[in-house]
ModelCIF file with pLDDT and N, C-alpha, C, O atoms, coordinates in Angstrom:
data_MODEL
#
_entry.id   MODEL 
#
_entity.id                         1 
_entity.type                       polymer 
_entity.pdbx_number_of_molecules   1 
#
_entity_poly.entity_id                      1 
_entity_poly.type                           'polypeptide(L)' 
_entity_poly.nstd_linkage                   no 
_entity_poly.nstd_monomer                   no 
_entity_poly.pdbx_seq_one_letter_code       
;(UNK)(UNK)(UNK)(UNK)(UNK)(UNK)(UNK)(UNK)(UNK)(UNK)(UNK)(UNK)(UNK)(UNK)(UNK)(UNK)
(UNK)(UNK)(UNK)(UNK)(UNK)(UNK)(UNK)(UNK)(UNK)(UNK)(UNK)(UNK)(UNK)(UNK)(UNK)(UNK)
(UNK)(UNK)(UNK)(UNK)(UNK)(UNK)(UNK)(UNK)(UNK)(UNK)(UNK)(UNK)(UNK)(UNK)(UNK)(UNK)
;
_entity_poly.pdbx_seq_one_letter_code_can   XXXXXXXXXXXXXXXXXXXXXXXXXXXXXXXXXXXXXXXXXXXXXXXX 
_entity_poly.pdbx_strand_id                 A 
#
loop_
_entity_poly_seq.entity_id 
_entity_poly_seq.num 
_entity_poly_seq.mon_id 
_entity_poly_seq.hetero 
1 1  UNK n 
1 2  UNK n 
1 3  UNK n 
1 4  UNK n 
1 5  UNK n 
1 6  UNK n 
1 7  UNK n 
1 8  UNK n 
1 9  UNK n 
1 10 UNK n 
1 11 UNK n 
1 12 UNK n 
1 13 UNK n 
1 14 UNK n 
1 15 UNK n 
1 16 UNK n 
1 17 UNK n 
1 18 UNK n 
1 19 UNK n 
1 20 UNK n 
1 21 UNK n 
1 22 UNK n 
1 23 UNK n 
1 24 UNK n 
1 25 UNK n 
1 26 UNK n 
1 27 UNK n 
1 28 UNK n 
1 29 UNK n 
1 30 UNK n 
1 31 UNK n 
1 32 UNK n 
1 33 UNK n 
1 34 UNK n 
1 35 UNK n 
1 36 UNK n 
1 37 UNK n 
1 38 UNK n 
1 39 UNK n 
1 40 UNK n 
1 41 UNK n 
1 42 UNK n 
1 43 UNK n 
1 44 UNK n 
1 45 UNK n 
1 46 UNK n 
1 47 UNK n 
1 48 UNK n 
#
_struct_asym.id          A 
_struct_asym.entity_id   1 
#
loop_
_ma_qa_metric.id 
_ma_qa_metric.mode 
_ma_qa_metric.name 
_ma_qa_metric.software_group_id 
_ma_qa_metric.type 
1 global pLDDT . pLDDT 
2 local  pLDDT . pLDDT 
#
_ma_qa_metric_global.metric_id      1 
_ma_qa_metric_global.metric_value   84.71 
_ma_qa_metric_global.model_id       1 
_ma_qa_metric_global.ordinal_id     1 
#
loop_
_ma_qa_metric_local.label_asym_id 
_ma_qa_metric_local.label_comp_id 
_ma_qa_metric_local.label_seq_id 
_ma_qa_metric_local.metric_id 
_ma_qa_metric_local.metric_value 
_ma_qa_metric_local.model_id 
_ma_qa_metric_local.ordinal_id 
A UNK 1  2 87.00 1 1  
A UNK 2  2 87.00 1 2  
A UNK 3  2 90.00 1 3  
A UNK 4  2 89.00 1 4  
A UNK 5  2 90.00 1 5  
A UNK 6  2 91.00 1 6  
A UNK 7  2 89.00 1 7  
A UNK 8  2 89.00 1 8  
A UNK 9  2 90.00 1 9  
A UNK 10 2 89.00 1 10 
A UNK 11 2 85.00 1 11 
A UNK 12 2 84.00 1 12 
A UNK 13 2 84.00 1 13 
A UNK 14 2 80.00 1 14 
A UNK 15 2 83.00 1 15 
A UNK 16 2 86.00 1 16 
A UNK 17 2 85.00 1 17 
A UNK 18 2 85.00 1 18 
A UNK 19 2 87.00 1 19 
A UNK 20 2 89.00 1 20 
A UNK 21 2 88.00 1 21 
A UNK 22 2 90.00 1 22 
A UNK 23 2 90.00 1 23 
A UNK 24 2 90.00 1 24 
A UNK 25 2 90.00 1 25 
A UNK 26 2 90.00 1 26 
A UNK 27 2 86.00 1 27 
A UNK 28 2 86.00 1 28 
A UNK 29 2 86.00 1 29 
A UNK 30 2 85.00 1 30 
A UNK 31 2 81.00 1 31 
A UNK 32 2 80.00 1 32 
A UNK 33 2 78.00 1 33 
A UNK 34 2 80.00 1 34 
A UNK 35 2 77.00 1 35 
A UNK 36 2 78.00 1 36 
A UNK 37 2 79.00 1 37 
A UNK 38 2 78.00 1 38 
A UNK 39 2 79.00 1 39 
A UNK 40 2 75.00 1 40 
A UNK 41 2 74.00 1 41 
A UNK 42 2 78.00 1 42 
A UNK 43 2 81.00 1 43 
A UNK 44 2 83.00 1 44 
A UNK 45 2 83.00 1 45 
A UNK 46 2 86.00 1 46 
A UNK 47 2 88.00 1 47 
A UNK 48 2 88.00 1 48 
#
loop_
_atom_site.group_PDB 
_atom_site.id 
_atom_site.type_symbol 
_atom_site.label_atom_id 
_atom_site.label_alt_id 
_atom_site.label_comp_id 
_atom_site.label_asym_id 
_atom_site.label_entity_id 
_atom_site.label_seq_id 
_atom_site.pdbx_PDB_ins_code 
_atom_site.Cartn_x 
_atom_site.Cartn_y 
_atom_site.Cartn_z 
_atom_site.occupancy 
_atom_site.B_iso_or_equiv 
_atom_site.pdbx_formal_charge 
_atom_site.auth_seq_id 
_atom_site.auth_comp_id 
_atom_site.auth_asym_id 
_atom_site.auth_atom_id 
_atom_site.pdbx_PDB_model_num 
ATOM 1   N N  . UNK A 1 1  ? 75.599 150.368 10.477 1.00 87.00 ? 1  UNK A N  1 
ATOM 2   C CA . UNK A 1 1  ? 75.047 149.171 9.829  1.00 87.00 ? 1  UNK A CA 1 
ATOM 3   C C  . UNK A 1 1  ? 74.813 147.977 10.752 1.00 87.00 ? 1  UNK A C  1 
ATOM 4   O O  . UNK A 1 1  ? 74.291 146.960 10.297 1.00 87.00 ? 1  UNK A O  1 
ATOM 5   N N  . UNK A 1 2  ? 75.177 148.062 12.021 1.00 87.00 ? 2  UNK A N  1 
ATOM 6   C CA . UNK A 1 2  ? 75.035 146.887 12.893 1.00 87.00 ? 2  UNK A CA 1 
ATOM 7   C C  . UNK A 1 2  ? 73.575 146.469 13.064 1.00 87.00 ? 2  UNK A C  1 
ATOM 8   O O  . UNK A 1 2  ? 73.270 145.277 13.027 1.00 87.00 ? 2  UNK A O  1 
ATOM 9   N N  . UNK A 1 3  ? 72.674 147.426 13.251 1.00 90.00 ? 3  UNK A N  1 
ATOM 10  C CA . UNK A 1 3  ? 71.258 147.074 13.410 1.00 90.00 ? 3  UNK A CA 1 
ATOM 11  C C  . UNK A 1 3  ? 70.705 146.477 12.118 1.00 90.00 ? 3  UNK A C  1 
ATOM 12  O O  . UNK A 1 3  ? 69.934 145.519 12.161 1.00 90.00 ? 3  UNK A O  1 
ATOM 13  N N  . UNK A 1 4  ? 71.081 147.022 10.995 1.00 89.00 ? 4  UNK A N  1 
ATOM 14  C CA . UNK A 1 4  ? 70.646 146.524 9.683  1.00 89.00 ? 4  UNK A CA 1 
ATOM 15  C C  . UNK A 1 4  ? 71.111 145.081 9.497  1.00 89.00 ? 4  UNK A C  1 
ATOM 16  O O  . UNK A 1 4  ? 70.333 144.222 9.083  1.00 89.00 ? 4  UNK A O  1 
ATOM 17  N N  . UNK A 1 5  ? 72.374 144.819 9.804  1.00 90.00 ? 5  UNK A N  1 
ATOM 18  C CA . UNK A 1 5  ? 72.937 143.473 9.664  1.00 90.00 ? 5  UNK A CA 1 
ATOM 19  C C  . UNK A 1 5  ? 72.223 142.510 10.607 1.00 90.00 ? 5  UNK A C  1 
ATOM 20  O O  . UNK A 1 5  ? 71.800 141.431 10.193 1.00 90.00 ? 5  UNK A O  1 
ATOM 21  N N  . UNK A 1 6  ? 72.091 142.895 11.856 1.00 91.00 ? 6  UNK A N  1 
ATOM 22  C CA . UNK A 1 6  ? 71.466 142.012 12.849 1.00 91.00 ? 6  UNK A CA 1 
ATOM 23  C C  . UNK A 1 6  ? 70.003 141.721 12.484 1.00 91.00 ? 6  UNK A C  1 
ATOM 24  O O  . UNK A 1 6  ? 69.539 140.590 12.620 1.00 91.00 ? 6  UNK A O  1 
ATOM 25  N N  . UNK A 1 7  ? 69.292 142.740 12.024 1.00 89.00 ? 7  UNK A N  1 
ATOM 26  C CA . UNK A 1 7  ? 67.880 142.581 11.628 1.00 89.00 ? 7  UNK A CA 1 
ATOM 27  C C  . UNK A 1 7  ? 67.756 141.530 10.525 1.00 89.00 ? 7  UNK A C  1 
ATOM 28  O O  . UNK A 1 7  ? 66.862 140.684 10.562 1.00 89.00 ? 7  UNK A O  1 
ATOM 29  N N  . UNK A 1 8  ? 68.659 141.590 9.544  1.00 89.00 ? 8  UNK A N  1 
ATOM 30  C CA . UNK A 1 8  ? 68.613 140.615 8.450  1.00 89.00 ? 8  UNK A CA 1 
ATOM 31  C C  . UNK A 1 8  ? 69.047 139.227 8.916  1.00 89.00 ? 8  UNK A C  1 
ATOM 32  O O  . UNK A 1 8  ? 68.525 138.225 8.427  1.00 89.00 ? 8  UNK A O  1 
ATOM 33  N N  . UNK A 1 9  ? 69.972 139.153 9.834  1.00 90.00 ? 9  UNK A N  1 
ATOM 34  C CA . UNK A 1 9  ? 70.392 137.853 10.371 1.00 90.00 ? 9  UNK A CA 1 
ATOM 35  C C  . UNK A 1 9  ? 69.225 137.174 11.070 1.00 90.00 ? 9  UNK A C  1 
ATOM 36  O O  . UNK A 1 9  ? 69.062 135.957 10.976 1.00 90.00 ? 9  UNK A O  1 
ATOM 37  N N  . UNK A 1 10 ? 68.427 137.944 11.758 1.00 89.00 ? 10 UNK A N  1 
ATOM 38  C CA . UNK A 1 10 ? 67.308 137.364 12.499 1.00 89.00 ? 10 UNK A CA 1 
ATOM 39  C C  . UNK A 1 10 ? 66.212 136.844 11.572 1.00 89.00 ? 10 UNK A C  1 
ATOM 40  O O  . UNK A 1 10 ? 65.263 136.213 12.037 1.00 89.00 ? 10 UNK A O  1 
ATOM 41  N N  . UNK A 1 11 ? 66.328 137.101 10.260 1.00 85.00 ? 11 UNK A N  1 
ATOM 42  C CA . UNK A 1 11 ? 65.440 136.451 9.286  1.00 85.00 ? 11 UNK A CA 1 
ATOM 43  C C  . UNK A 1 11 ? 65.753 134.961 9.179  1.00 85.00 ? 11 UNK A C  1 
ATOM 44  O O  . UNK A 1 11 ? 64.911 134.177 8.741  1.00 85.00 ? 11 UNK A O  1 
ATOM 45  N N  . UNK A 1 12 ? 66.950 134.576 9.575  1.00 84.00 ? 12 UNK A N  1 
ATOM 46  C CA . UNK A 1 12 ? 67.398 133.192 9.435  1.00 84.00 ? 12 UNK A CA 1 
ATOM 47  C C  . UNK A 1 12 ? 67.238 132.373 10.712 1.00 84.00 ? 12 UNK A C  1 
ATOM 48  O O  . UNK A 1 12 ? 67.189 131.145 10.652 1.00 84.00 ? 12 UNK A O  1 
ATOM 49  N N  . UNK A 1 13 ? 67.158 133.015 11.835 1.00 84.00 ? 13 UNK A N  1 
ATOM 50  C CA . UNK A 1 13 ? 67.022 132.293 13.093 1.00 84.00 ? 13 UNK A CA 1 
ATOM 51  C C  . UNK A 1 13 ? 66.259 133.153 14.089 1.00 84.00 ? 13 UNK A C  1 
ATOM 52  O O  . UNK A 1 13 ? 66.345 134.381 14.066 1.00 84.00 ? 13 UNK A O  1 
ATOM 53  N N  . UNK A 1 14 ? 65.517 132.492 14.959 1.00 80.00 ? 14 UNK A N  1 
ATOM 54  C CA . UNK A 1 14 ? 64.828 133.218 16.030 1.00 80.00 ? 14 UNK A CA 1 
ATOM 55  C C  . UNK A 1 14 ? 65.633 133.174 17.320 1.00 80.00 ? 14 UNK A C  1 
ATOM 56  O O  . UNK A 1 14 ? 65.218 133.739 18.332 1.00 80.00 ? 14 UNK A O  1 
ATOM 57  N N  . UNK A 1 15 ? 66.773 132.512 17.290 1.00 83.00 ? 15 UNK A N  1 
ATOM 58  C CA . UNK A 1 15 ? 67.605 132.363 18.482 1.00 83.00 ? 15 UNK A CA 1 
ATOM 59  C C  . UNK A 1 15 ? 68.597 133.512 18.575 1.00 83.00 ? 15 UNK A C  1 
ATOM 60  O O  . UNK A 1 15 ? 69.450 133.679 17.702 1.00 83.00 ? 15 UNK A O  1 
ATOM 61  N N  . UNK A 1 16 ? 68.483 134.301 19.633 1.00 86.00 ? 16 UNK A N  1 
ATOM 62  C CA . UNK A 1 16 ? 69.319 135.486 19.814 1.00 86.00 ? 16 UNK A CA 1 
ATOM 63  C C  . UNK A 1 16 ? 70.807 135.127 19.873 1.00 86.00 ? 16 UNK A C  1 
ATOM 64  O O  . UNK A 1 16 ? 71.638 135.843 19.316 1.00 86.00 ? 16 UNK A O  1 
ATOM 65  N N  . UNK A 1 17 ? 71.144 134.024 20.544 1.00 85.00 ? 17 UNK A N  1 
ATOM 66  C CA . UNK A 1 17 ? 72.555 133.626 20.657 1.00 85.00 ? 17 UNK A CA 1 
ATOM 67  C C  . UNK A 1 17 ? 73.146 133.285 19.291 1.00 85.00 ? 17 UNK A C  1 
ATOM 68  O O  . UNK A 1 17 ? 74.262 133.694 18.970 1.00 85.00 ? 17 UNK A O  1 
ATOM 69  N N  . UNK A 1 18 ? 72.388 132.531 18.487 1.00 85.00 ? 18 UNK A N  1 
ATOM 70  C CA . UNK A 1 18 ? 72.858 132.215 17.139 1.00 85.00 ? 18 UNK A CA 1 
ATOM 71  C C  . UNK A 1 18 ? 72.997 133.507 16.334 1.00 85.00 ? 18 UNK A C  1 
ATOM 72  O O  . UNK A 1 18 ? 73.969 133.692 15.601 1.00 85.00 ? 18 UNK A O  1 
ATOM 73  N N  . UNK A 1 19 ? 72.025 134.386 16.479 1.00 87.00 ? 19 UNK A N  1 
ATOM 74  C CA . UNK A 1 19 ? 72.063 135.655 15.753 1.00 87.00 ? 19 UNK A CA 1 
ATOM 75  C C  . UNK A 1 19 ? 73.303 136.466 16.091 1.00 87.00 ? 19 UNK A C  1 
ATOM 76  O O  . UNK A 1 19 ? 73.929 137.047 15.205 1.00 87.00 ? 19 UNK A O  1 
ATOM 77  N N  . UNK A 1 20 ? 73.660 136.507 17.374 1.00 89.00 ? 20 UNK A N  1 
ATOM 78  C CA . UNK A 1 20 ? 74.845 137.258 17.786 1.00 89.00 ? 20 UNK A CA 1 
ATOM 79  C C  . UNK A 1 20 ? 76.127 136.613 17.263 1.00 89.00 ? 20 UNK A C  1 
ATOM 80  O O  . UNK A 1 20 ? 77.064 137.311 16.877 1.00 89.00 ? 20 UNK A O  1 
ATOM 81  N N  . UNK A 1 21 ? 76.165 135.276 17.252 1.00 88.00 ? 21 UNK A N  1 
ATOM 82  C CA . UNK A 1 21 ? 77.340 134.578 16.719 1.00 88.00 ? 21 UNK A CA 1 
ATOM 83  C C  . UNK A 1 21 ? 77.492 134.852 15.216 1.00 88.00 ? 21 UNK A C  1 
ATOM 84  O O  . UNK A 1 21 ? 78.591 135.115 14.728 1.00 88.00 ? 21 UNK A O  1 
ATOM 85  N N  . UNK A 1 22 ? 76.382 134.785 14.508 1.00 90.00 ? 22 UNK A N  1 
ATOM 86  C CA . UNK A 1 22 ? 76.419 135.031 13.061 1.00 90.00 ? 22 UNK A CA 1 
ATOM 87  C C  . UNK A 1 22 ? 76.816 136.485 12.802 1.00 90.00 ? 22 UNK A C  1 
ATOM 88  O O  . UNK A 1 22 ? 77.601 136.768 11.897 1.00 90.00 ? 22 UNK A O  1 
ATOM 89  N N  . UNK A 1 23 ? 76.267 137.406 13.604 1.00 90.00 ? 23 UNK A N  1 
ATOM 90  C CA . UNK A 1 23 ? 76.607 138.821 13.455 1.00 90.00 ? 23 UNK A CA 1 
ATOM 91  C C  . UNK A 1 23 ? 78.116 139.014 13.583 1.00 90.00 ? 23 UNK A C  1 
ATOM 92  O O  . UNK A 1 23 ? 78.734 139.725 12.790 1.00 90.00 ? 23 UNK A O  1 
ATOM 93  N N  . UNK A 1 24 ? 78.685 138.380 14.578 1.00 90.00 ? 24 UNK A N  1 
ATOM 94  C CA . UNK A 1 24 ? 80.128 138.517 14.804 1.00 90.00 ? 24 UNK A CA 1 
ATOM 95  C C  . UNK A 1 24 ? 80.910 138.000 13.584 1.00 90.00 ? 24 UNK A C  1 
ATOM 96  O O  . UNK A 1 24 ? 81.872 138.635 13.154 1.00 90.00 ? 24 UNK A O  1 
ATOM 97  N N  . UNK A 1 25 ? 80.505 136.870 13.037 1.00 90.00 ? 25 UNK A N  1 
ATOM 98  C CA . UNK A 1 25 ? 81.181 136.323 11.859 1.00 90.00 ? 25 UNK A CA 1 
ATOM 99  C C  . UNK A 1 25 ? 81.036 137.254 10.653 1.00 90.00 ? 25 UNK A C  1 
ATOM 100 O O  . UNK A 1 25 ? 82.000 137.483 9.921  1.00 90.00 ? 25 UNK A O  1 
ATOM 101 N N  . UNK A 1 26 ? 79.828 137.790 10.448 1.00 90.00 ? 26 UNK A N  1 
ATOM 102 C CA . UNK A 1 26 ? 79.602 138.708 9.327  1.00 90.00 ? 26 UNK A CA 1 
ATOM 103 C C  . UNK A 1 26 ? 80.475 139.937 9.489  1.00 90.00 ? 26 UNK A C  1 
ATOM 104 O O  . UNK A 1 26 ? 81.129 140.371 8.541  1.00 90.00 ? 26 UNK A O  1 
ATOM 105 N N  . UNK A 1 27 ? 80.487 140.495 10.683 1.00 86.00 ? 27 UNK A N  1 
ATOM 106 C CA . UNK A 1 27 ? 81.242 141.732 10.895 1.00 86.00 ? 27 UNK A CA 1 
ATOM 107 C C  . UNK A 1 27 ? 82.737 141.503 10.713 1.00 86.00 ? 27 UNK A C  1 
ATOM 108 O O  . UNK A 1 27 ? 83.433 142.358 10.165 1.00 86.00 ? 27 UNK A O  1 
ATOM 109 N N  . UNK A 1 28 ? 83.231 140.367 11.165 1.00 86.00 ? 28 UNK A N  1 
ATOM 110 C CA . UNK A 1 28 ? 84.652 140.048 10.959 1.00 86.00 ? 28 UNK A CA 1 
ATOM 111 C C  . UNK A 1 28 ? 84.945 139.956 9.464  1.00 86.00 ? 28 UNK A C  1 
ATOM 112 O O  . UNK A 1 28 ? 85.973 140.449 9.000  1.00 86.00 ? 28 UNK A O  1 
ATOM 113 N N  . UNK A 1 29 ? 84.046 139.326 8.710  1.00 86.00 ? 29 UNK A N  1 
ATOM 114 C CA . UNK A 1 29 ? 84.248 139.189 7.261  1.00 86.00 ? 29 UNK A CA 1 
ATOM 115 C C  . UNK A 1 29 ? 84.302 140.549 6.571  1.00 86.00 ? 29 UNK A C  1 
ATOM 116 O O  . UNK A 1 29 ? 85.169 140.788 5.730  1.00 86.00 ? 29 UNK A O  1 
ATOM 117 N N  . UNK A 1 30 ? 83.375 141.442 6.925  1.00 85.00 ? 30 UNK A N  1 
ATOM 118 C CA . UNK A 1 30 ? 83.356 142.726 6.206  1.00 85.00 ? 30 UNK A CA 1 
ATOM 119 C C  . UNK A 1 30 ? 84.501 143.637 6.650  1.00 85.00 ? 30 UNK A C  1 
ATOM 120 O O  . UNK A 1 30 ? 84.956 144.483 5.881  1.00 85.00 ? 30 UNK A O  1 
ATOM 121 N N  . UNK A 1 31 ? 84.963 143.466 7.886  1.00 81.00 ? 31 UNK A N  1 
ATOM 122 C CA . UNK A 1 31 ? 86.059 144.320 8.364  1.00 81.00 ? 31 UNK A CA 1 
ATOM 123 C C  . UNK A 1 31 ? 87.432 143.795 7.956  1.00 81.00 ? 31 UNK A C  1 
ATOM 124 O O  . UNK A 1 31 ? 88.406 144.548 7.969  1.00 81.00 ? 31 UNK A O  1 
ATOM 125 N N  . UNK A 1 32 ? 87.522 142.534 7.600  1.00 80.00 ? 32 UNK A N  1 
ATOM 126 C CA . UNK A 1 32 ? 88.820 141.983 7.189  1.00 80.00 ? 32 UNK A CA 1 
ATOM 127 C C  . UNK A 1 32 ? 88.863 141.789 5.675  1.00 80.00 ? 32 UNK A C  1 
ATOM 128 O O  . UNK A 1 32 ? 89.647 140.988 5.166  1.00 80.00 ? 32 UNK A O  1 
ATOM 129 N N  . UNK A 1 33 ? 88.036 142.509 4.981  1.00 78.00 ? 33 UNK A N  1 
ATOM 130 C CA . UNK A 1 33 ? 87.937 142.423 3.528  1.00 78.00 ? 33 UNK A CA 1 
ATOM 131 C C  . UNK A 1 33 ? 89.201 142.981 2.887  1.00 78.00 ? 33 UNK A C  1 
ATOM 132 O O  . UNK A 1 33 ? 89.654 144.072 3.235  1.00 78.00 ? 33 UNK A O  1 
ATOM 133 N N  . UNK A 1 34 ? 89.762 142.231 1.956  1.00 80.00 ? 34 UNK A N  1 
ATOM 134 C CA . UNK A 1 34 ? 90.935 142.700 1.211  1.00 80.00 ? 34 UNK A CA 1 
ATOM 135 C C  . UNK A 1 34 ? 90.478 143.698 0.148  1.00 80.00 ? 34 UNK A C  1 
ATOM 136 O O  . UNK A 1 34 ? 89.381 143.559 -0.393 1.00 80.00 ? 34 UNK A O  1 
ATOM 137 N N  . UNK A 1 35 ? 91.306 144.704 -0.159 1.00 77.00 ? 35 UNK A N  1 
ATOM 138 C CA . UNK A 1 35 ? 90.911 145.704 -1.161 1.00 77.00 ? 35 UNK A CA 1 
ATOM 139 C C  . UNK A 1 35 ? 90.485 145.100 -2.502 1.00 77.00 ? 35 UNK A C  1 
ATOM 140 O O  . UNK A 1 35 ? 89.619 145.658 -3.175 1.00 77.00 ? 35 UNK A O  1 
ATOM 141 N N  . UNK A 1 36 ? 91.070 143.988 -2.893 1.00 78.00 ? 36 UNK A N  1 
ATOM 142 C CA . UNK A 1 36 ? 90.714 143.367 -4.169 1.00 78.00 ? 36 UNK A CA 1 
ATOM 143 C C  . UNK A 1 36 ? 89.386 142.630 -4.144 1.00 78.00 ? 36 UNK A C  1 
ATOM 144 O O  . UNK A 1 36 ? 88.896 142.204 -5.190 1.00 78.00 ? 36 UNK A O  1 
ATOM 145 N N  . UNK A 1 37 ? 88.790 142.471 -2.949 1.00 79.00 ? 37 UNK A N  1 
ATOM 146 C CA . UNK A 1 37 ? 87.520 141.745 -2.828 1.00 79.00 ? 37 UNK A CA 1 
ATOM 147 C C  . UNK A 1 37 ? 86.322 142.649 -2.572 1.00 79.00 ? 37 UNK A C  1 
ATOM 148 O O  . UNK A 1 37 ? 85.260 142.174 -2.172 1.00 79.00 ? 37 UNK A O  1 
ATOM 149 N N  . UNK A 1 38 ? 86.484 143.930 -2.798 1.00 78.00 ? 38 UNK A N  1 
ATOM 150 C CA . UNK A 1 38 ? 85.368 144.865 -2.610 1.00 78.00 ? 38 UNK A CA 1 
ATOM 151 C C  . UNK A 1 38 ? 84.255 144.527 -3.594 1.00 78.00 ? 38 UNK A C  1 
ATOM 152 O O  . UNK A 1 38 ? 84.520 143.986 -4.668 1.00 78.00 ? 38 UNK A O  1 
ATOM 153 N N  . UNK A 1 39 ? 83.013 144.843 -3.236 1.00 79.00 ? 39 UNK A N  1 
ATOM 154 C CA . UNK A 1 39 ? 81.905 144.550 -4.163 1.00 79.00 ? 39 UNK A CA 1 
ATOM 155 C C  . UNK A 1 39 ? 82.097 145.282 -5.485 1.00 79.00 ? 39 UNK A C  1 
ATOM 156 O O  . UNK A 1 39 ? 82.586 146.411 -5.516 1.00 79.00 ? 39 UNK A O  1 
ATOM 157 N N  . UNK A 1 40 ? 81.711 144.634 -6.564 1.00 75.00 ? 40 UNK A N  1 
ATOM 158 C CA . UNK A 1 40 ? 81.867 145.218 -7.901 1.00 75.00 ? 40 UNK A CA 1 
ATOM 159 C C  . UNK A 1 40 ? 80.572 145.846 -8.403 1.00 75.00 ? 40 UNK A C  1 
ATOM 160 O O  . UNK A 1 40 ? 80.582 146.624 -9.356 1.00 75.00 ? 40 UNK A O  1 
ATOM 161 N N  . UNK A 1 41 ? 79.461 145.505 -7.760 1.00 74.00 ? 41 UNK A N  1 
ATOM 162 C CA . UNK A 1 41 ? 78.169 146.080 -8.151 1.00 74.00 ? 41 UNK A CA 1 
ATOM 163 C C  . UNK A 1 41 ? 77.561 146.726 -6.916 1.00 74.00 ? 41 UNK A C  1 
ATOM 164 O O  . UNK A 1 41 ? 78.226 147.537 -6.271 1.00 74.00 ? 41 UNK A O  1 
ATOM 165 N N  . UNK A 1 42 ? 76.324 146.399 -6.562 1.00 78.00 ? 42 UNK A N  1 
ATOM 166 C CA . UNK A 1 42 ? 75.646 147.020 -5.430 1.00 78.00 ? 42 UNK A CA 1 
ATOM 167 C C  . UNK A 1 42 ? 76.237 146.625 -4.085 1.00 78.00 ? 42 UNK A C  1 
ATOM 168 O O  . UNK A 1 42 ? 76.316 145.439 -3.767 1.00 78.00 ? 42 UNK A O  1 
ATOM 169 N N  . UNK A 1 43 ? 76.649 147.597 -3.301 1.00 81.00 ? 43 UNK A N  1 
ATOM 170 C CA . UNK A 1 43 ? 77.256 147.327 -1.997 1.00 81.00 ? 43 UNK A CA 1 
ATOM 171 C C  . UNK A 1 43 ? 76.234 146.728 -1.028 1.00 81.00 ? 43 UNK A C  1 
ATOM 172 O O  . UNK A 1 43 ? 76.571 145.831 -0.255 1.00 81.00 ? 43 UNK A O  1 
ATOM 173 N N  . UNK A 1 44 ? 75.007 147.207 -1.061 1.00 83.00 ? 44 UNK A N  1 
ATOM 174 C CA . UNK A 1 44 ? 73.982 146.697 -0.145 1.00 83.00 ? 44 UNK A CA 1 
ATOM 175 C C  . UNK A 1 44 ? 73.614 145.265 -0.490 1.00 83.00 ? 44 UNK A C  1 
ATOM 176 O O  . UNK A 1 44 ? 73.474 144.431 0.405  1.00 83.00 ? 44 UNK A O  1 
ATOM 177 N N  . UNK A 1 45 ? 73.456 144.967 -1.767 1.00 83.00 ? 45 UNK A N  1 
ATOM 178 C CA . UNK A 1 45 ? 73.122 143.590 -2.143 1.00 83.00 ? 45 UNK A CA 1 
ATOM 179 C C  . UNK A 1 45 ? 74.305 142.663 -1.855 1.00 83.00 ? 45 UNK A C  1 
ATOM 180 O O  . UNK A 1 45 ? 74.106 141.499 -1.507 1.00 83.00 ? 45 UNK A O  1 
ATOM 181 N N  . UNK A 1 46 ? 75.521 143.164 -1.995 1.00 86.00 ? 46 UNK A N  1 
ATOM 182 C CA . UNK A 1 46 ? 76.709 142.385 -1.632 1.00 86.00 ? 46 UNK A CA 1 
ATOM 183 C C  . UNK A 1 46 ? 76.668 142.058 -0.143 1.00 86.00 ? 46 UNK A C  1 
ATOM 184 O O  . UNK A 1 46 ? 76.925 140.919 0.246  1.00 86.00 ? 46 UNK A O  1 
ATOM 185 N N  . UNK A 1 47 ? 76.349 143.042 0.690  1.00 88.00 ? 47 UNK A N  1 
ATOM 186 C CA . UNK A 1 47 ? 76.271 142.813 2.133  1.00 88.00 ? 47 UNK A CA 1 
ATOM 187 C C  . UNK A 1 47 ? 75.196 141.780 2.457  1.00 88.00 ? 47 UNK A C  1 
ATOM 188 O O  . UNK A 1 47 ? 75.407 140.917 3.309  1.00 88.00 ? 47 UNK A O  1 
ATOM 189 N N  . UNK A 1 48 ? 74.057 141.856 1.795  1.00 88.00 ? 48 UNK A N  1 
ATOM 190 C CA . UNK A 1 48 ? 72.988 140.876 2.016  1.00 88.00 ? 48 UNK A CA 1 
ATOM 191 C C  . UNK A 1 48 ? 73.434 139.462 1.633  1.00 88.00 ? 48 UNK A C  1 
ATOM 192 O O  . UNK A 1 48 ? 72.658 138.515 1.757  1.00 88.00 ? 48 UNK A O  1 
#
């Protein structure tokens, strides 16, 4: 999912450095997700 995430992040900025910083924050959020905070409906739309 890294390319998918990065591709969508670049919809928000054309700056590669900002994109990489945002990617890192997104990835930390999804990897440190508590079991009680899992998406309740569509996983892909939750990720978006």
